[in-house]
Amino acid sequence: MRNAFSNFIYSESGAVTVDWVVLTGAIAGIAIAVPTLVLPNLLPVASGVQPALDVAPGLGASLITGN
Protein backbone atom coordinates (compact mmCIF):
# COMPACT_ATOMS: atom_id res chain seq x y z
CA MET A 1 0.00 0.00 0.00
CA ARG A 2 2.77 2.37 0.90
CA ASN A 3 4.60 1.63 -2.34
CA ALA A 4 1.46 2.33 -4.40
CA PHE A 5 0.92 5.64 -2.61
CA SER A 6 4.57 6.59 -3.12
CA ASN A 7 4.32 5.79 -6.83
CA PHE A 8 1.17 7.92 -7.09
CA ILE A 9 2.79 10.89 -5.35
CA TYR A 10 5.95 10.87 -7.47
CA SER A 11 4.26 10.10 -10.78
CA GLU A 12 4.22 13.00 -13.26
CA SER A 13 1.95 11.46 -15.87
CA GLY A 14 -0.98 13.80 -15.16
CA ALA A 15 1.04 16.95 -14.55
CA VAL A 16 0.57 18.30 -18.08
CA THR A 17 -3.19 17.85 -17.81
CA VAL A 18 -3.25 19.76 -14.55
CA ASP A 19 -1.16 22.52 -16.10
CA TRP A 20 -3.58 22.88 -19.01
CA VAL A 21 -6.61 22.90 -16.71
CA VAL A 22 -5.07 25.64 -14.56
CA LEU A 23 -4.01 27.65 -17.61
CA THR A 24 -7.45 27.35 -19.22
CA GLY A 25 -9.14 28.35 -15.96
CA ALA A 26 -6.92 31.41 -15.67
CA ILE A 27 -7.68 32.46 -19.25
CA ALA A 28 -11.41 32.02 -18.67
CA GLY A 29 -11.20 34.06 -15.46
CA ILE A 30 -9.38 36.88 -17.21
CA ALA A 31 -11.87 36.78 -20.09
CA ILE A 32 -14.69 37.32 -17.60
CA ALA A 33 -12.91 39.87 -15.40
CA VAL A 34 -11.63 42.27 -18.06
CA PRO A 35 -15.01 43.20 -19.59
CA THR A 36 -16.51 43.41 -16.12
CA LEU A 37 -13.89 45.95 -15.10
CA VAL A 38 -13.67 47.89 -18.38
CA LEU A 39 -17.30 48.25 -19.53
CA PRO A 40 -18.57 50.48 -16.70
CA ASN A 41 -15.83 53.01 -17.49
CA LEU A 42 -16.16 52.68 -21.25
CA LEU A 43 -19.89 53.35 -21.63
CA PRO A 44 -19.83 56.99 -20.40
CA VAL A 45 -16.94 57.78 -22.73
CA ALA A 46 -18.61 56.10 -25.68
CA SER A 47 -21.88 57.96 -25.10
CA GLY A 48 -20.01 61.26 -25.37
CA VAL A 49 -18.69 60.55 -28.85
CA GLN A 50 -21.90 61.18 -30.81
CA PRO A 51 -22.58 64.67 -29.38
CA ALA A 52 -18.97 65.62 -30.09
CA LEU A 53 -19.32 64.46 -33.68
CA ASP A 54 -22.60 66.32 -34.11
CA VAL A 55 -20.99 69.67 -33.33
CA ALA A 56 -17.62 68.97 -34.98
CA PRO A 57 -16.80 71.51 -37.71
CA GLY A 58 -15.28 70.65 -41.03
CA LEU A 59 -15.38 67.78 -43.46
CA GLY A 60 -15.81 65.05 -40.85
CA ALA A 61 -19.12 66.42 -39.60
CA SER A 62 -20.48 66.93 -43.10
CA LEU A 63 -19.64 63.37 -44.05
CA ILE A 64 -21.50 62.03 -41.02
CA THR A 65 -24.61 64.18 -41.37
CA GLY A 66 -24.75 63.91 -45.17
CA ASN A 67 -24.69 67.69 -45.80
C-alpha atoms as a PDB file:
ATOM      1  CA  MET A   1       0.000   0.000   0.000  1.00  0.00           C
ATOM      2  CA  ARG A   2       2.775   2.370   0.901  1.00  0.00           C
ATOM      3  CA  ASN A   3       4.600   1.633  -2.341  1.00  0.00           C
ATOM      4  CA  ALA A   4       1.455   2.325  -4.404  1.00  0.00           C
ATOM      5  CA  PHE A   5       0.925   5.636  -2.613  1.00  0.00           C
ATOM      6  CA  SER A   6       4.567   6.585  -3.119  1.00  0.00           C
ATOM      7  CA  ASN A   7       4.319   5.785  -6.834  1.00  0.00           C
ATOM      8  CA  PHE A   8       1.166   7.921  -7.085  1.00  0.00           C
ATOM      9  CA  ILE A   9       2.787  10.894  -5.352  1.00  0.00           C
ATOM     10  CA  TYR A  10       5.950  10.866  -7.466  1.00  0.00           C
ATOM     11  CA  SER A  11       4.258  10.097 -10.783  1.00  0.00           C
ATOM     12  CA  GLU A  12       4.219  13.005 -13.259  1.00  0.00           C
ATOM     13  CA  SER A  13       1.950  11.458 -15.874  1.00  0.00           C
ATOM     14  CA  GLY A  14      -0.980  13.800 -15.159  1.00  0.00           C
ATOM     15  CA  ALA A  15       1.038  16.950 -14.551  1.00  0.00           C
ATOM     16  CA  VAL A  16       0.572  18.299 -18.077  1.00  0.00           C
ATOM     17  CA  THR A  17      -3.194  17.853 -17.815  1.00  0.00           C
ATOM     18  CA  VAL A  18      -3.252  19.760 -14.555  1.00  0.00           C
ATOM     19  CA  ASP A  19      -1.161  22.523 -16.100  1.00  0.00           C
ATOM     20  CA  TRP A  20      -3.582  22.882 -19.006  1.00  0.00           C
ATOM     21  CA  VAL A  21      -6.608  22.902 -16.710  1.00  0.00           C
ATOM     22  CA  VAL A  22      -5.070  25.640 -14.556  1.00  0.00           C
ATOM     23  CA  LEU A  23      -4.011  27.651 -17.610  1.00  0.00           C
ATOM     24  CA  THR A  24      -7.454  27.352 -19.216  1.00  0.00           C
ATOM     25  CA  GLY A  25      -9.142  28.345 -15.963  1.00  0.00           C
ATOM     26  CA  ALA A  26      -6.922  31.408 -15.675  1.00  0.00           C
ATOM     27  CA  ILE A  27      -7.676  32.463 -19.246  1.00  0.00           C
ATOM     28  CA  ALA A  28     -11.414  32.023 -18.667  1.00  0.00           C
ATOM     29  CA  GLY A  29     -11.204  34.057 -15.460  1.00  0.00           C
ATOM     30  CA  ILE A  30      -9.381  36.875 -17.212  1.00  0.00           C
ATOM     31  CA  ALA A  31     -11.873  36.782 -20.094  1.00  0.00           C
ATOM     32  CA  ILE A  32     -14.687  37.320 -17.600  1.00  0.00           C
ATOM     33  CA  ALA A  33     -12.905  39.867 -15.396  1.00  0.00           C
ATOM     34  CA  VAL A  34     -11.630  42.268 -18.063  1.00  0.00           C
ATOM     35  CA  PRO A  35     -15.007  43.203 -19.588  1.00  0.00           C
ATOM     36  CA  THR A  36     -16.509  43.406 -16.120  1.00  0.00           C
ATOM     37  CA  LEU A  37     -13.891  45.950 -15.104  1.00  0.00           C
ATOM     38  CA  VAL A  38     -13.674  47.891 -18.381  1.00  0.00           C
ATOM     39  CA  LEU A  39     -17.300  48.251 -19.533  1.00  0.00           C
ATOM     40  CA  PRO A  40     -18.572  50.478 -16.697  1.00  0.00           C
ATOM     41  CA  ASN A  41     -15.834  53.013 -17.486  1.00  0.00           C
ATOM     42  CA  LEU A  42     -16.159  52.684 -21.248  1.00  0.00           C
ATOM     43  CA  LEU A  43     -19.886  53.349 -21.627  1.00  0.00           C
ATOM     44  CA  PRO A  44     -19.827  56.993 -20.397  1.00  0.00           C
ATOM     45  CA  VAL A  45     -16.938  57.782 -22.727  1.00  0.00           C
ATOM     46  CA  ALA A  46     -18.613  56.096 -25.684  1.00  0.00           C
ATOM     47  CA  SER A  47     -21.877  57.963 -25.097  1.00  0.00           C
ATOM     48  CA  GLY A  48     -20.011  61.261 -25.367  1.00  0.00           C
ATOM     49  CA  VAL A  49     -18.685  60.552 -28.851  1.00  0.00           C
ATOM     50  CA  GLN A  50     -21.902  61.183 -30.813  1.00  0.00           C
ATOM     51  CA  PRO A  51     -22.581  64.666 -29.379  1.00  0.00           C
ATOM     52  CA  ALA A  52     -18.971  65.619 -30.088  1.00  0.00           C
ATOM     53  CA  LEU A  53     -19.317  64.455 -33.677  1.00  0.00           C
ATOM     54  CA  ASP A  54     -22.598  66.319 -34.107  1.00  0.00           C
ATOM     55  CA  VAL A  55     -20.991  69.670 -33.325  1.00  0.00           C
ATOM     56  CA  ALA A  56     -17.616  68.972 -34.982  1.00  0.00           C
ATOM     57  CA  PRO A  57     -16.803  71.509 -37.708  1.00  0.00           C
ATOM     58  CA  GLY A  58     -15.280  70.648 -41.033  1.00  0.00           C
ATOM     59  CA  LEU A  59     -15.384  67.785 -43.463  1.00  0.00           C
ATOM     60  CA  GLY A  60     -15.809  65.050 -40.845  1.00  0.00           C
ATOM     61  CA  ALA A  61     -19.122  66.416 -39.600  1.00  0.00           C
ATOM     62  CA  SER A  62     -20.482  66.930 -43.103  1.00  0.00           C
ATOM     63  CA  LEU A  63     -19.641  63.369 -44.047  1.00  0.00           C
ATOM     64  CA  ILE A  64     -21.498  62.033 -41.019  1.00  0.00           C
ATOM     65  CA  THR A  65     -24.610  64.183 -41.371  1.00  0.00           C
ATOM     66  CA  GLY A  66     -24.747  63.906 -45.165  1.00  0.00           C
ATOM     67  CA  ASN A  67     -24.686  67.687 -45.803  1.00  0.00           C
END
